[in-house]
Amino acid sequence: MNYPTYANNSQFYMQNLQDMRDRIDSQIRNYQQNQTQQPVTQPITQNFQLAPNPTNNELEAKYADNIEAVKNTFVLKTGIFVNKDFSTLWVKDVTGRIRTFATEEVIEMDEKDKEIYMLKRQLEEMKGMIENDNKSDNTNVDDEITKTKSSRVSSGKRSNAK
């Protein structure tokens, strides 16, 4: 059996310590060299943005309570302003010209709602036609009664019938 001798172990141990010391000394030298060198500084540049970034949108949109709020708002492109209940819409262009619009909601109907609406409208039309027919029948009867004269009584004489 070959066991390493104490002398070989101590020599190996000493060599290992020496290698560690050399590595540490080398790292310290590198660190000191980096410290003594002047660091490269980047020039400071500062940009100020006076206007918002332009976007590809053609319109600006905002809520506004009244026309005064629209007048007091600066726009860089055509702006649309609407009140919270969407009943009034203002369009302001870059020259400051303001146009006002009144809006109303359009409720989209599905096929069933459209059919119900059409049937209700037809029903109302039929009711109107029936009422017109009844009125015209009543006036015709009244006209016939007033236009018909009795042949027994002359128009200028009184009847003696009791």
C-alpha atoms as a PDB file:
ATOM      1  CA  MET A   1       0.000   0.000   0.000  1.00  0.00           C
ATOM      2  CA  ASN A   2       1.179   3.368  -0.954  1.00  0.00           C
ATOM      3  CA  TYR A   3       0.276   5.955   1.594  1.00  0.00           C
ATOM      4  CA  PRO A   4       1.466   9.474   0.987  1.00  0.00           C
ATOM      5  CA  THR A   5       4.048  10.474   3.442  1.00  0.00           C
ATOM      6  CA  TYR A   6       3.762  13.390   5.766  1.00  0.00           C
ATOM      7  CA  ALA A   7       6.365  15.293   3.811  1.00  0.00           C
ATOM      8  CA  ASN A   8       4.337  14.960   0.603  1.00  0.00           C
ATOM      9  CA  ASN A   9       1.187  16.116   2.373  1.00  0.00           C
ATOM     10  CA  SER A  10       2.796  19.142   3.893  1.00  0.00           C
ATOM     11  CA  GLN A  11       4.439  20.034   0.604  1.00  0.00           C
ATOM     12  CA  PHE A  12       1.085  19.702  -1.157  1.00  0.00           C
ATOM     13  CA  TYR A  13      -0.585  21.802   1.542  1.00  0.00           C
ATOM     14  CA  MET A  14       2.057  24.524   1.305  1.00  0.00           C
ATOM     15  CA  GLN A  15       1.803  24.661  -2.476  1.00  0.00           C
ATOM     16  CA  ASN A  16      -1.995  24.965  -2.208  1.00  0.00           C
ATOM     17  CA  LEU A  17      -1.654  27.878   0.265  1.00  0.00           C
ATOM     18  CA  GLN A  18       0.884  29.595  -1.961  1.00  0.00           C
ATOM     19  CA  ASP A  19      -1.454  29.312  -4.996  1.00  0.00           C
ATOM     20  CA  MET A  20      -4.307  30.809  -2.979  1.00  0.00           C
ATOM     21  CA  ARG A  21      -2.089  33.687  -1.853  1.00  0.00           C
ATOM     22  CA  ASP A  22      -0.970  34.368  -5.437  1.00  0.00           C
ATOM     23  CA  ARG A  23      -4.591  34.471  -6.621  1.00  0.00           C
ATOM     24  CA  ILE A  24      -5.625  36.846  -3.824  1.00  0.00           C
ATOM     25  CA  ASP A  25      -2.613  39.126  -4.491  1.00  0.00           C
ATOM     26  CA  SER A  26      -3.500  39.159  -8.182  1.00  0.00           C
ATOM     27  CA  GLN A  27      -7.116  40.111  -7.435  1.00  0.00           C
ATOM     28  CA  ILE A  28      -6.006  42.895  -5.092  1.00  0.00           C
ATOM     29  CA  ARG A  29      -3.614  44.279  -7.726  1.00  0.00           C
ATOM     30  CA  ASN A  30      -6.390  44.254 -10.362  1.00  0.00           C
ATOM     31  CA  TYR A  31      -8.744  46.008  -7.980  1.00  0.00           C
ATOM     32  CA  GLN A  32      -6.156  48.653  -7.120  1.00  0.00           C
ATOM     33  CA  GLN A  33      -5.406  49.258 -10.786  1.00  0.00           C
ATOM     34  CA  ASN A  34      -9.106  49.743 -11.513  1.00  0.00           C
ATOM     35  CA  GLN A  35      -9.357  52.193  -8.629  1.00  0.00           C
ATOM     36  CA  THR A  36      -6.437  54.312  -9.801  1.00  0.00           C
ATOM     37  CA  GLN A  37      -7.675  54.532 -13.372  1.00  0.00           C
ATOM     38  CA  GLN A  38     -10.053  57.372 -14.089  1.00  0.00           C
ATOM     39  CA  PRO A  39     -13.540  56.019 -14.641  1.00  0.00           C
ATOM     40  CA  VAL A  40     -15.102  56.900 -17.968  1.00  0.00           C
ATOM     41  CA  THR A  41     -18.040  59.193 -17.290  1.00  0.00           C
ATOM     42  CA  GLN A  42     -20.934  59.500 -19.649  1.00  0.00           C
ATOM     43  CA  PRO A  43     -21.983  63.053 -20.461  1.00  0.00           C
ATOM     44  CA  ILE A  44     -25.273  64.024 -18.883  1.00  0.00           C
ATOM     45  CA  THR A  45     -27.946  64.920 -21.384  1.00  0.00           C
ATOM     46  CA  GLN A  46     -31.322  66.187 -20.330  1.00  0.00           C
ATOM     47  CA  ASN A  47     -34.265  66.617 -22.663  1.00  0.00           C
ATOM     48  CA  PHE A  48     -37.279  68.697 -21.821  1.00  0.00           C
ATOM     49  CA  GLN A  49     -40.563  67.894 -23.475  1.00  0.00           C
ATOM     50  CA  LEU A  50     -42.789  70.935 -23.732  1.00  0.00           C
ATOM     51  CA  ALA A  51     -45.668  69.271 -25.567  1.00  0.00           C
ATOM     52  CA  PRO A  52     -47.090  65.784 -25.189  1.00  0.00           C
ATOM     53  CA  ASN A  53     -45.844  63.054 -27.478  1.00  0.00           C
ATOM     54  CA  PRO A  54     -47.712  63.087 -30.754  1.00  0.00           C
ATOM     55  CA  THR A  55     -49.711  59.945 -31.335  1.00  0.00           C
ATOM     56  CA  ASN A  56     -51.225  58.527 -34.463  1.00  0.00           C
ATOM     57  CA  ASN A  57     -54.713  59.392 -33.237  1.00  0.00           C
ATOM     58  CA  GLU A  58     -56.380  62.172 -35.159  1.00  0.00           C
ATOM     59  CA  LEU A  59     -58.669  63.187 -32.294  1.00  0.00           C
ATOM     60  CA  GLU A  60     -58.435  64.032 -28.628  1.00  0.00           C
ATOM     61  CA  ALA A  61     -61.417  63.204 -26.419  1.00  0.00           C
ATOM     62  CA  LYS A  62     -62.407  64.429 -22.953  1.00  0.00           C
ATOM     63  CA  TYR A  63     -65.383  64.820 -20.677  1.00  0.00           C
ATOM     64  CA  ALA A  64     -66.582  68.400 -20.188  1.00  0.00           C
ATOM     65  CA  ASP A  65     -69.327  69.772 -17.987  1.00  0.00           C
ATOM     66  CA  ASN A  66     -70.141  72.825 -20.095  1.00  0.00           C
ATOM     67  CA  ILE A  67     -69.012  74.991 -22.996  1.00  0.00           C
ATOM     68  CA  GLU A  68     -66.766  77.065 -20.708  1.00  0.00           C
ATOM     69  CA  ALA A  69     -64.686  73.989 -19.903  1.00  0.00           C
ATOM     70  CA  VAL A  70     -64.305  73.369 -23.634  1.00  0.00           C
ATOM     71  CA  LYS A  71     -63.291  76.988 -24.283  1.00  0.00           C
ATOM     72  CA  ASN A  72     -60.642  76.843 -21.544  1.00  0.00           C
ATOM     73  CA  THR A  73     -59.035  73.619 -22.815  1.00  0.00           C
ATOM     74  CA  PHE A  74     -56.046  73.862 -25.169  1.00  0.00           C
ATOM     75  CA  VAL A  75     -56.021  71.325 -28.026  1.00  0.00           C
ATOM     76  CA  LEU A  76     -53.165  70.381 -30.354  1.00  0.00           C
ATOM     77  CA  LYS A  77     -55.497  68.591 -32.771  1.00  0.00           C
ATOM     78  CA  THR A  78     -59.243  68.301 -33.200  1.00  0.00           C
ATOM     79  CA  GLY A  79     -60.804  67.598 -29.819  1.00  0.00           C
ATOM     80  CA  ILE A  80     -64.117  65.991 -28.970  1.00  0.00           C
ATOM     81  CA  PHE A  81     -65.713  66.896 -25.666  1.00  0.00           C
ATOM     82  CA  VAL A  82     -68.850  65.242 -24.315  1.00  0.00           C
ATOM     83  CA  ASN A  83     -70.793  65.703 -21.102  1.00  0.00           C
ATOM     84  CA  LYS A  84     -71.257  62.778 -18.708  1.00  0.00           C
ATOM     85  CA  ASP A  85     -74.756  61.828 -19.932  1.00  0.00           C
ATOM     86  CA  PHE A  86     -73.660  62.067 -23.606  1.00  0.00           C
ATOM     87  CA  SER A  87     -76.500  64.461 -24.458  1.00  0.00           C
ATOM     88  CA  THR A  88     -74.190  67.211 -25.745  1.00  0.00           C
ATOM     89  CA  LEU A  89     -71.057  66.910 -27.855  1.00  0.00           C
ATOM     90  CA  TRP A  90     -68.596  69.701 -28.634  1.00  0.00           C
ATOM     91  CA  VAL A  91     -65.961  69.588 -31.380  1.00  0.00           C
ATOM     92  CA  LYS A  92     -63.071  72.046 -31.034  1.00  0.00           C
ATOM     93  CA  ASP A  93     -60.424  72.435 -33.716  1.00  0.00           C
ATOM     94  CA  VAL A  94     -56.911  73.856 -33.344  1.00  0.00           C
ATOM     95  CA  THR A  95     -58.050  77.328 -34.364  1.00  0.00           C
ATOM     96  CA  GLY A  96     -60.395  77.437 -31.366  1.00  0.00           C
ATOM     97  CA  ARG A  97     -63.648  77.123 -33.322  1.00  0.00           C
ATOM     98  CA  ILE A  98     -66.246  75.126 -31.359  1.00  0.00           C
ATOM     99  CA  ARG A  99     -69.262  73.333 -32.807  1.00  0.00           C
ATOM    100  CA  THR A 100     -72.021  71.987 -30.551  1.00  0.00           C
ATOM    101  CA  PHE A 101     -74.186  68.934 -31.237  1.00  0.00           C
ATOM    102  CA  ALA A 102     -77.145  67.415 -29.404  1.00  0.00           C
ATOM    103  CA  THR A 103     -77.065  63.631 -29.357  1.00  0.00           C
ATOM    104  CA  GLU A 104     -79.591  60.883 -28.812  1.00  0.00           C
ATOM    105  CA  GLU A 105     -79.079  57.214 -28.135  1.00  0.00           C
ATOM    106  CA  VAL A 106     -79.773  54.725 -30.902  1.00  0.00           C
ATOM    107  CA  ILE A 107     -80.709  51.368 -29.460  1.00  0.00           C
ATOM    108  CA  GLU A 108     -79.815  48.442 -31.666  1.00  0.00           C
ATOM    109  CA  MET A 109     -82.600  45.884 -31.950  1.00  0.00           C
ATOM    110  CA  ASP A 110     -82.184  42.202 -32.596  1.00  0.00           C
ATOM    111  CA  GLU A 111     -84.444  40.307 -35.010  1.00  0.00           C
ATOM    112  CA  LYS A 112     -87.113  39.539 -32.398  1.00  0.00           C
ATOM    113  CA  ASP A 113     -87.303  43.164 -31.259  1.00  0.00           C
ATOM    114  CA  LYS A 114     -87.621  44.326 -34.874  1.00  0.00           C
ATOM    115  CA  GLU A 115     -90.442  41.859 -35.508  1.00  0.00           C
ATOM    116  CA  ILE A 116     -92.277  42.975 -32.342  1.00  0.00           C
ATOM    117  CA  TYR A 117     -91.883  46.619 -33.369  1.00  0.00           C
ATOM    118  CA  MET A 118     -93.240  45.942 -36.878  1.00  0.00           C
ATOM    119  CA  LEU A 119     -96.228  44.005 -35.511  1.00  0.00           C
ATOM    120  CA  LYS A 120     -97.054  46.780 -33.030  1.00  0.00           C
ATOM    121  CA  ARG A 121     -96.873  49.355 -35.811  1.00  0.00           C
ATOM    122  CA  GLN A 122     -99.163  47.261 -38.040  1.00  0.00           C
ATOM    123  CA  LEU A 123    -101.581  46.866 -35.132  1.00  0.00           C
ATOM    124  CA  GLU A 124    -101.691  50.637 -34.600  1.00  0.00           C
ATOM    125  CA  GLU A 125    -102.272  51.196 -38.319  1.00  0.00           C
ATOM    126  CA  MET A 126    -105.158  48.711 -38.278  1.00  0.00           C
ATOM    127  CA  LYS A 127    -106.676  50.393 -35.216  1.00  0.00           C
ATOM    128  CA  GLY A 128    -106.448  53.729 -37.021  1.00  0.00           C
ATOM    129  CA  MET A 129    -108.106  52.270 -40.143  1.00  0.00           C
ATOM    130  CA  ILE A 130    -110.949  50.794 -38.067  1.00  0.00           C
ATOM    131  CA  GLU A 131    -111.502  54.104 -36.275  1.00  0.00           C
ATOM    132  CA  ASN A 132    -111.538  55.955 -39.605  1.00  0.00           C
ATOM    133  CA  ASP A 133    -114.048  53.463 -41.032  1.00  0.00           C
ATOM    134  CA  ASN A 134    -116.303  53.844 -37.986  1.00  0.00           C
ATOM    135  CA  LYS A 135    -116.175  57.645 -38.213  1.00  0.00           C
ATOM    136  CA  SER A 136    -116.896  57.635 -41.917  1.00  0.00           C
ATOM    137  CA  ASP A 137    -119.822  55.177 -41.444  1.00  0.00           C
ATOM    138  CA  ASN A 138    -121.349  57.378 -38.725  1.00  0.00           C
ATOM    139  CA  THR A 139    -121.056  60.547 -40.788  1.00  0.00           C
ATOM    140  CA  ASN A 140    -122.590  58.829 -43.822  1.00  0.00           C
ATOM    141  CA  VAL A 141    -125.574  57.686 -41.753  1.00  0.00           C
ATOM    142  CA  ASP A 142    -126.038  61.181 -40.301  1.00  0.00           C
ATOM    143  CA  ASP A 143    -125.756  62.747 -43.755  1.00  0.00           C
ATOM    144  CA  GLU A 144    -128.386  60.352 -45.129  1.00  0.00           C
ATOM    145  CA  ILE A 145    -130.766  61.119 -42.266  1.00  0.00           C
ATOM    146  CA  THR A 146    -130.539  64.899 -42.634  1.00  0.00           C
ATOM    147  CA  LYS A 147    -130.699  64.793 -46.420  1.00  0.00           C
ATOM    148  CA  THR A 148    -133.785  62.572 -46.542  1.00  0.00           C
ATOM    149  CA  LYS A 149    -137.052  64.501 -46.425  1.00  0.00           C
ATOM    150  CA  SER A 150    -140.408  63.193 -45.643  1.00  0.00           C
ATOM    151  CA  SER A 151    -142.677  63.158 -48.676  1.00  0.00           C
ATOM    152  CA  ARG A 152    -145.805  63.612 -46.575  1.00  0.00           C
ATOM    153  CA  VAL A 153    -144.964  66.977 -45.098  1.00  0.00           C
ATOM    154  CA  SER A 154    -144.240  69.898 -47.289  1.00  0.00           C
ATOM    155  CA  SER A 155    -141.405  72.061 -46.298  1.00  0.00           C
ATOM    156  CA  GLY A 156    -143.460  75.243 -45.983  1.00  0.00           C
ATOM    157  CA  LYS A 157    -146.516  73.914 -44.142  1.00  0.00           C
ATOM    158  CA  ARG A 158    -147.116  72.625 -40.671  1.00  0.00           C
ATOM    159  CA  SER A 159    -148.493  69.234 -40.098  1.00  0.00           C
ATOM    160  CA  ASN A 160    -151.777  68.900 -38.189  1.00  0.00           C
ATOM    161  CA  ALA A 161    -150.920  65.497 -36.890  1.00  0.00           C
ATOM    162  CA  LYS A 162    -151.071  64.981 -33.162  1.00  0.00           C
END
